[in-house]
C-alpha cells in the first residue's frame, strides 16, 4: 500500500531522493511496478538465408512470368498490326470488286454482242462473289481488331509505343530548336562583325522568343551589346573630334555632323561634350531671338520664332523627328528659354 507524500519546501526533497528513479537506467528495486526485461533473441541465420533464397526464387518466377506475358502481348500486337493491314487491303479489294461488278452488270444488259453480254454477266457474278467474300472477311477482321484493341496488355503496349513516339518527337524538335539556335547565333555574330547591329538585334529578338531561358543566347546578347556600345562610342568620339575641327571655320557642317548622333547609352562625360559643342556651335550662328529647348539629358533643339507666334526648328540633337523646318507651338515648348 502506498503513502502520499506532500513536500512543503525544496529542502525536504533530499530526504526522499532514494525514492526517485535514475534517468540513466531503471532500477527494479525502486519501482513500484517491477520492470520485466525482454530477453534478446539471436536471429536464426539459416532461416534468414532460406527466406532470402525463397524471395529470390519467387522474383525469378515473377520475372519469367512477366516476360512470358509481355511476349504474348507482343504477339497479339503483331497480329493486331497485321489485321489492320488486312483490313485496309480487304476494303480496297471489296471496293474494286464492287466497281467491276457494277460495270459488268451494265455491260451485260447493254452490250451489242450476245456473247459479250453473257460473258459480262458471268464477270458480274464473279465480282459480286468477291465483293461479298471480302466484305464478310472484313467484318470478321474488324471484330478481331476491336477485340485485340480492348485487351489490357495490348493497350499497354500501344500506350508505350505512343509514349516512345512522343518522346522521339520531342527529342527531334529539341534538336531542331538547338540547331536553329546555333545557326541564329552564328548569323548574329556575323552581322555584328559587319556592324549591322539593327539586324542583329531583330534576329536576337526572334531567338529570345523561341529560347527565353538559353544561357548561351543571354551571353551572346550581352556580348553583342558590349560590342555595339564600343563601336558606337568610337563613332561618337570620332564625330566629336571632326566637329571640333570644323567649328573653327564651318559651323553648319559641324552641326550637321553632330545632329544625327545617337547618344543613348553613351558615357555622361561624352554626352556633355557632344551636346555642349553642338549648343555652342548653334550660339555662334547668331540666330535672332533663338530659343533652346532641352527635352532630356543629351536631347534638345534650337528654334527661332515664326510669324504666327510659333517656333521653327533650326537644329536638333537626340530628337530624330525634329527635322530642321518643323514648326511647333510655343505652348508645347514651355521649357524653352532664350539661347545665350
Protein backbone atom coordinates (compact mmCIF):
# COMPACT_ATOMS: atom_id res chain seq x y z
CA UNK A 1 0.00 0.00 0.00
CA UNK A 2 1.39 3.42 -0.99
CA UNK A 3 1.52 6.52 1.21
CA UNK A 4 1.01 10.05 -0.11
CA UNK A 5 3.95 12.43 0.49
CA UNK A 6 3.48 16.22 0.49
CA UNK A 7 6.60 18.43 0.14
CA UNK A 8 6.39 21.94 1.57
CA UNK A 9 9.89 23.11 0.54
CA UNK A 10 12.81 22.12 -1.70
CA UNK A 11 14.87 21.31 1.38
CA UNK A 12 12.61 18.36 2.16
CA UNK A 13 13.25 16.89 -1.31
CA UNK A 14 16.64 15.47 -0.31
CA UNK A 15 15.11 13.16 2.33
CA UNK A 16 13.21 11.29 -0.36
CA UNK A 17 15.86 11.24 -3.14
CA UNK A 18 16.32 7.48 -2.87
CA UNK A 19 12.72 7.01 -3.96
CA UNK A 20 13.23 8.67 -7.37
CA UNK A 21 14.18 6.59 -10.44
CA UNK A 22 17.53 7.41 -12.07
CA UNK A 23 17.35 8.98 -15.55
CA UNK A 24 20.12 6.72 -16.79
CA UNK A 25 18.70 3.33 -16.01
CA UNK A 26 15.51 1.99 -14.48
CA UNK A 27 16.11 0.43 -11.06
CA UNK A 28 13.83 -2.51 -10.34
CA UNK A 29 14.35 -2.12 -6.59
CA UNK A 30 12.88 1.43 -6.54
CA UNK A 31 9.99 0.98 -8.93
CA UNK A 32 6.55 0.36 -7.64
CA UNK A 33 5.82 -1.94 -10.59
CA UNK A 34 8.67 -4.36 -11.43
CA UNK A 35 10.12 -3.92 -14.91
CA UNK A 36 10.34 -7.13 -16.89
CA UNK A 37 13.44 -7.18 -19.10
CA UNK A 38 12.78 -8.71 -22.50
CA UNK A 39 15.33 -11.33 -23.46
CA UNK A 40 17.49 -10.62 -26.52
CA UNK A 41 16.71 -13.20 -29.21
CA UNK A 42 19.55 -14.03 -31.54
CA UNK A 43 18.40 -14.17 -35.22
CA UNK A 44 18.32 -17.54 -36.92
CA UNK A 45 20.81 -17.03 -39.77
CA UNK A 46 19.79 -20.22 -41.54
CA UNK A 47 16.14 -19.16 -41.52
CA UNK A 48 17.07 -15.72 -42.85
CA UNK A 49 19.16 -17.23 -45.63
CA UNK A 50 16.34 -19.59 -46.56
CA UNK A 51 13.83 -16.72 -46.63
CA UNK A 52 16.14 -14.67 -48.86
CA UNK A 53 16.57 -17.64 -51.19
CA UNK A 54 12.81 -18.16 -51.40
CA UNK A 55 12.33 -14.45 -52.18
CA UNK A 56 14.96 -14.56 -54.93
CA UNK A 57 13.38 -17.70 -56.42
CA UNK A 58 9.95 -16.09 -56.35
CA UNK A 59 11.37 -12.99 -58.03
CA UNK A 60 12.84 -15.15 -60.80
CA UNK A 61 9.47 -16.82 -61.32
CA UNK A 62 7.76 -13.43 -61.44
CA UNK A 63 10.28 -12.12 -63.99
CA UNK A 64 9.79 -15.24 -66.13
CA UNK A 65 6.02 -14.92 -65.96
CA UNK A 66 6.18 -11.23 -66.76
CA UNK A 67 8.45 -11.91 -69.75
CA UNK A 68 6.08 -14.56 -70.99
CA UNK A 69 3.10 -12.22 -70.61
CA UNK A 70 4.96 -9.49 -72.49
CA UNK A 71 5.83 -11.88 -75.33
CA UNK A 72 2.20 -12.95 -75.59
CA UNK A 73 1.13 -9.31 -75.66
CA UNK A 74 3.73 -8.54 -78.34
CA UNK A 75 2.47 -11.46 -80.43
CA UNK A 76 -1.07 -10.15 -80.05
CA UNK A 77 0.11 -6.68 -81.04
CA UNK A 78 1.86 -8.11 -84.11
CA UNK A 79 -1.37 -9.81 -85.09
CA UNK A 80 -3.22 -6.55 -84.43
CA UNK A 81 -0.91 -4.71 -86.80
CA UNK A 82 -1.24 -7.43 -89.46
CA UNK A 83 -5.03 -7.44 -89.19
CA UNK A 84 -5.06 -3.67 -89.61
CA UNK A 85 -3.14 -4.13 -92.86
CA UNK A 86 -5.52 -6.91 -93.92
CA UNK A 87 -8.49 -4.66 -93.19
CA UNK A 88 -7.12 -1.94 -95.46
CA UNK A 89 -6.49 -4.46 -98.24
CA UNK A 90 -9.94 -6.02 -97.85
CA UNK A 91 -11.57 -2.59 -98.03
CA UNK A 92 -9.68 -1.87 -101.23
CA UNK A 93 -10.49 -5.29 -102.74
CA UNK A 94 -14.18 -5.01 -101.87
CA UNK A 95 -14.37 -1.54 -103.38
CA UNK A 96 -12.61 -2.54 -106.60
CA UNK A 97 -14.67 -5.73 -106.94
CA UNK A 98 -17.92 -3.79 -106.41
CA UNK A 99 -16.90 -1.33 -109.13
CA UNK A 100 -16.17 -4.21 -111.51
CA UNK A 101 -19.47 -5.88 -110.67
CA UNK A 102 -21.42 -2.67 -111.34
CA UNK A 103 -19.73 -2.06 -114.71
CA UNK A 104 -20.08 -5.71 -115.70
CA UNK A 105 -23.78 -5.65 -114.85
CA UNK A 106 -24.32 -2.61 -117.07
CA UNK A 107 -22.37 -4.24 -119.91
CA UNK A 108 -24.36 -7.48 -119.52
CA UNK A 109 -27.53 -5.51 -120.21
CA UNK A 110 -26.30 -3.11 -122.88
CA UNK A 111 -23.59 -5.00 -124.82
CA UNK A 112 -24.21 -5.32 -128.56
CA UNK A 113 -22.89 -8.87 -128.90
CA UNK A 114 -24.87 -11.64 -127.15
CA UNK A 115 -21.63 -13.43 -126.29
CA UNK A 116 -20.29 -10.28 -124.75
CA UNK A 117 -23.45 -9.87 -122.70
CA UNK A 118 -23.21 -13.45 -121.50
CA UNK A 119 -19.55 -13.11 -120.57
CA UNK A 120 -20.15 -9.77 -118.85
CA UNK A 121 -22.91 -11.39 -116.77
CA UNK A 122 -20.50 -14.10 -115.62
CA UNK A 123 -17.93 -11.46 -114.72
CA UNK A 124 -20.56 -9.54 -112.73
CA UNK A 125 -21.46 -12.68 -110.78
CA UNK A 126 -17.79 -13.47 -110.05
CA UNK A 127 -17.07 -9.88 -108.99
CA UNK A 128 -20.14 -9.81 -106.75
CA UNK A 129 -18.95 -13.05 -105.11
CA UNK A 130 -15.52 -11.45 -104.49
CA UNK A 131 -17.21 -8.39 -103.01
CA UNK A 132 -19.36 -10.47 -100.68
CA UNK A 133 -16.43 -12.65 -99.60
CA UNK A 134 -14.20 -9.64 -98.95
CA UNK A 135 -16.98 -7.87 -97.04
CA UNK A 136 -17.64 -10.90 -94.82
CA UNK A 137 -13.94 -11.30 -94.13
CA UNK A 138 -13.67 -7.58 -93.43
CA UNK A 139 -16.39 -7.83 -90.79
CA UNK A 140 -14.58 -10.70 -89.10
CA UNK A 141 -11.27 -8.83 -89.19
CA UNK A 142 -12.91 -5.70 -87.76
CA UNK A 143 -14.34 -7.70 -84.89
CA UNK A 144 -10.95 -9.29 -84.11
CA UNK A 145 -9.17 -5.94 -84.36
CA UNK A 146 -11.62 -4.38 -81.92
CA UNK A 147 -11.23 -7.32 -79.54
CA UNK A 148 -7.43 -7.06 -79.61
CA UNK A 149 -7.55 -3.30 -79.14
CA UNK A 150 -9.60 -3.72 -75.94
CA UNK A 151 -7.14 -6.19 -74.38
CA UNK A 152 -5.36 -4.63 -71.43
CA UNK A 153 -1.91 -5.96 -72.36
CA UNK A 154 -2.19 -4.81 -75.98
CA UNK A 155 -3.50 -1.42 -74.87
CA UNK A 156 -0.49 -1.11 -72.55
CA UNK A 157 1.94 -1.87 -75.38
CA UNK A 158 0.17 0.63 -77.62
CA UNK A 159 0.45 3.26 -74.87
CA UNK A 160 4.17 2.50 -74.53
CA UNK A 161 4.60 2.91 -78.29
CA UNK A 162 2.80 6.23 -78.26
CA UNK A 163 4.93 7.40 -75.33
CA UNK A 164 8.12 6.44 -77.19
CA UNK A 165 6.90 8.18 -80.34
CA UNK A 166 6.11 11.35 -78.37
CA UNK A 167 9.50 11.24 -76.66
CA UNK A 168 11.26 10.76 -80.00
CA UNK A 169 9.25 13.63 -81.47
CA UNK A 170 10.16 15.89 -78.55
CA UNK A 171 13.83 14.98 -78.91
CA UNK A 172 13.72 15.69 -82.65
CA UNK A 173 12.02 19.04 -82.04
CA UNK A 174 14.58 19.88 -79.35
CA UNK A 175 17.43 19.05 -81.75
CA UNK A 176 15.85 21.26 -84.39
CA UNK A 177 15.46 24.10 -81.87
CA UNK A 178 19.09 23.77 -80.81
CA UNK A 179 20.17 23.75 -84.45
CA UNK A 180 18.14 26.92 -85.12
CA UNK A 181 19.71 28.49 -82.04
CA UNK A 182 23.24 27.65 -83.20
CA UNK A 183 22.59 28.90 -86.74
CA UNK A 184 20.88 32.05 -85.46
CA UNK A 185 23.69 32.82 -83.02
CA UNK A 186 26.24 32.39 -85.81
CA UNK A 187 24.26 34.80 -88.03
CA UNK A 188 24.06 37.32 -85.18
CA UNK A 189 27.82 37.15 -84.69
CA UNK A 190 28.37 37.63 -88.43
CA UNK A 191 26.02 40.65 -88.51
CA UNK A 192 27.79 42.14 -85.51
CA UNK A 193 31.17 41.78 -87.22
CA UNK A 194 29.70 43.67 -90.19
CA UNK A 195 28.39 46.28 -87.70
CA UNK A 196 24.79 45.61 -88.74
CA UNK A 197 23.58 45.89 -85.19
CA UNK A 198 19.95 46.69 -86.01
CA UNK A 199 19.59 43.46 -87.98
CA UNK A 200 21.44 41.58 -85.26
CA UNK A 201 19.03 42.88 -82.61
CA UNK A 202 15.98 41.88 -84.67
CA UNK A 203 17.34 38.38 -85.11
CA UNK A 204 18.18 38.19 -81.41
CA UNK A 205 14.59 39.15 -80.59
CA UNK A 206 13.19 36.23 -82.58
CA UNK A 207 15.70 33.85 -80.99
CA UNK A 208 14.80 35.04 -77.49
CA UNK A 209 11.11 34.39 -78.21
CA UNK A 210 11.89 30.76 -79.03
CA UNK A 211 14.63 30.29 -76.42
CA UNK A 212 13.74 32.57 -73.48
CA UNK A 213 15.95 30.73 -70.95
CA UNK A 214 19.03 29.93 -73.05
CA UNK A 215 22.28 30.79 -71.20
CA UNK A 216 24.29 30.81 -74.44
CA UNK A 217 21.82 33.24 -76.00
CA UNK A 218 21.97 35.52 -72.95
CA UNK A 219 25.76 35.53 -73.22
CA UNK A 220 25.52 36.31 -76.94
CA UNK A 221 23.14 39.22 -76.26
CA UNK A 222 25.49 40.66 -73.66
CA UNK A 223 28.46 40.29 -75.98
CA UNK A 224 26.65 41.99 -78.88
CA UNK A 225 25.55 44.85 -76.62
CA UNK A 226 29.09 45.44 -75.42
CA UNK A 227 30.41 45.29 -78.96
CA UNK A 228 27.75 47.70 -80.20
CA UNK A 229 28.45 50.06 -77.31
CA UNK A 230 32.18 50.03 -78.06
CA UNK A 231 31.65 50.68 -81.78
CA UNK A 232 29.08 53.38 -81.07
CA UNK A 233 31.39 55.08 -78.56
CA UNK A 234 34.24 55.14 -81.06
CA UNK A 235 31.94 56.60 -83.73
CA UNK A 236 30.65 59.33 -81.42
CA UNK A 237 34.18 60.21 -80.28
CA UNK A 238 35.39 60.40 -83.88
CA UNK A 239 32.42 62.60 -84.84
CA UNK A 240 33.20 64.84 -81.86
CA UNK A 241 36.82 65.25 -82.96
CA UNK A 242 35.80 66.11 -86.53
CA UNK A 243 33.14 68.55 -85.34
CA UNK A 244 35.67 70.36 -83.15
CA UNK A 245 37.91 70.90 -86.13
CA UNK A 246 35.01 72.08 -88.29
CA UNK A 247 33.74 74.52 -85.67
CA UNK A 248 36.71 76.75 -86.36
CA UNK A 249 35.58 77.51 -89.92
CA UNK A 250 32.37 75.59 -90.88
CA UNK A 251 29.78 75.82 -88.14
CA UNK A 252 26.88 74.41 -90.10
CA UNK A 253 28.90 71.38 -91.24
CA UNK A 254 29.91 70.74 -87.63
CA UNK A 255 26.27 70.97 -86.54
CA UNK A 256 25.17 68.66 -89.34
CA UNK A 257 27.78 66.14 -88.19
CA UNK A 258 26.55 66.19 -84.58
CA UNK A 259 22.78 66.22 -85.19
CA UNK A 260 22.31 62.56 -86.25
CA UNK A 261 24.40 61.13 -83.39
CA UNK A 262 22.60 58.66 -81.10
CA UNK A 263 23.81 59.48 -77.59
CA UNK A 264 21.66 56.94 -75.73
CA UNK A 265 23.77 54.70 -73.53
CA UNK A 266 26.90 56.77 -74.00
CA UNK A 267 29.05 57.89 -71.02
CA UNK A 268 27.73 61.03 -69.38
CA UNK A 269 31.01 62.86 -69.94
CA UNK A 270 30.95 62.14 -73.65
CA UNK A 271 27.28 63.17 -73.92
CA UNK A 272 28.03 66.50 -72.20
CA UNK A 273 30.93 67.19 -74.57
CA UNK A 274 28.90 66.46 -77.69
CA UNK A 275 25.83 68.34 -76.51
CA UNK A 276 27.89 71.29 -75.31
CA UNK A 277 29.77 71.54 -78.62
CA UNK A 278 26.51 71.37 -80.59
CA UNK A 279 24.88 74.06 -78.44
CA UNK A 280 27.97 76.28 -78.62
CA UNK A 281 28.02 75.96 -82.44
CA UNK A 282 24.34 76.93 -82.57
CA UNK A 283 25.08 80.03 -80.48
CA UNK A 284 27.80 81.09 -82.91
CA UNK A 285 25.23 81.08 -85.71
CA UNK A 286 23.90 84.35 -84.22
CA UNK A 287 20.27 83.42 -84.74
CA UNK A 288 17.87 86.26 -83.94
CA UNK A 289 15.59 85.61 -80.95
CA UNK A 290 16.55 81.93 -80.95
CA UNK A 291 15.47 79.68 -78.04
CA UNK A 292 16.90 76.50 -76.62
CA UNK A 293 14.62 73.64 -75.63
CA UNK A 294 16.06 70.72 -73.61
CA UNK A 295 13.86 67.65 -73.86
CA UNK A 296 16.09 65.40 -71.71
CA UNK A 297 19.73 64.71 -70.98
CA UNK A 298 21.56 64.82 -74.30
CA UNK A 299 18.40 65.70 -76.24
CA UNK A 300 17.46 69.20 -77.29
CA UNK A 301 16.65 71.65 -80.05
CA UNK A 302 17.35 75.23 -81.10
CA UNK A 303 14.37 77.08 -82.58
CA UNK A 304 13.56 80.53 -83.95
CA UNK A 305 10.24 82.43 -83.84
CA UNK A 306 7.84 82.32 -86.78
CA UNK A 307 5.38 84.93 -87.96
CA UNK A 308 2.38 83.13 -86.43
CA UNK A 309 3.85 83.21 -82.90
CA UNK A 310 5.17 79.67 -83.27
CA UNK A 311 8.67 78.18 -83.26
CA UNK A 312 10.63 76.61 -86.10
CA UNK A 313 13.36 74.02 -85.58
CA UNK A 314 16.80 75.14 -86.77
CA UNK A 315 18.75 72.22 -85.35
CA UNK A 316 18.07 69.28 -83.02
CA UNK A 317 20.15 66.54 -81.45
CA UNK A 318 18.80 63.33 -79.94
CA UNK A 319 15.38 64.06 -81.45
CA UNK A 320 15.23 62.26 -84.82
CA UNK A 321 11.72 63.50 -85.68
CA UNK A 322 12.60 67.14 -85.10
CA UNK A 323 13.96 67.91 -88.52
CA UNK A 324 15.00 71.49 -89.47
CA UNK A 325 11.96 73.46 -90.62
CA UNK A 326 9.47 71.67 -88.39
CA UNK A 327 7.10 74.08 -86.68
CA UNK A 328 5.76 73.78 -83.14
CA UNK A 329 3.62 75.95 -80.91
CA UNK A 330 5.14 77.84 -78.00
CA UNK A 331 2.61 76.23 -75.67
CA UNK A 332 4.11 72.82 -76.44
CA UNK A 333 7.60 74.06 -75.53
CA UNK A 334 7.04 75.76 -72.20
CA UNK A 335 10.53 74.84 -71.04
CA UNK A 336 12.26 76.73 -73.87
CA UNK A 337 14.44 79.68 -72.90
CA UNK A 338 16.47 82.22 -74.91
CA UNK A 339 19.66 80.90 -76.48
CA UNK A 340 22.50 82.80 -74.86
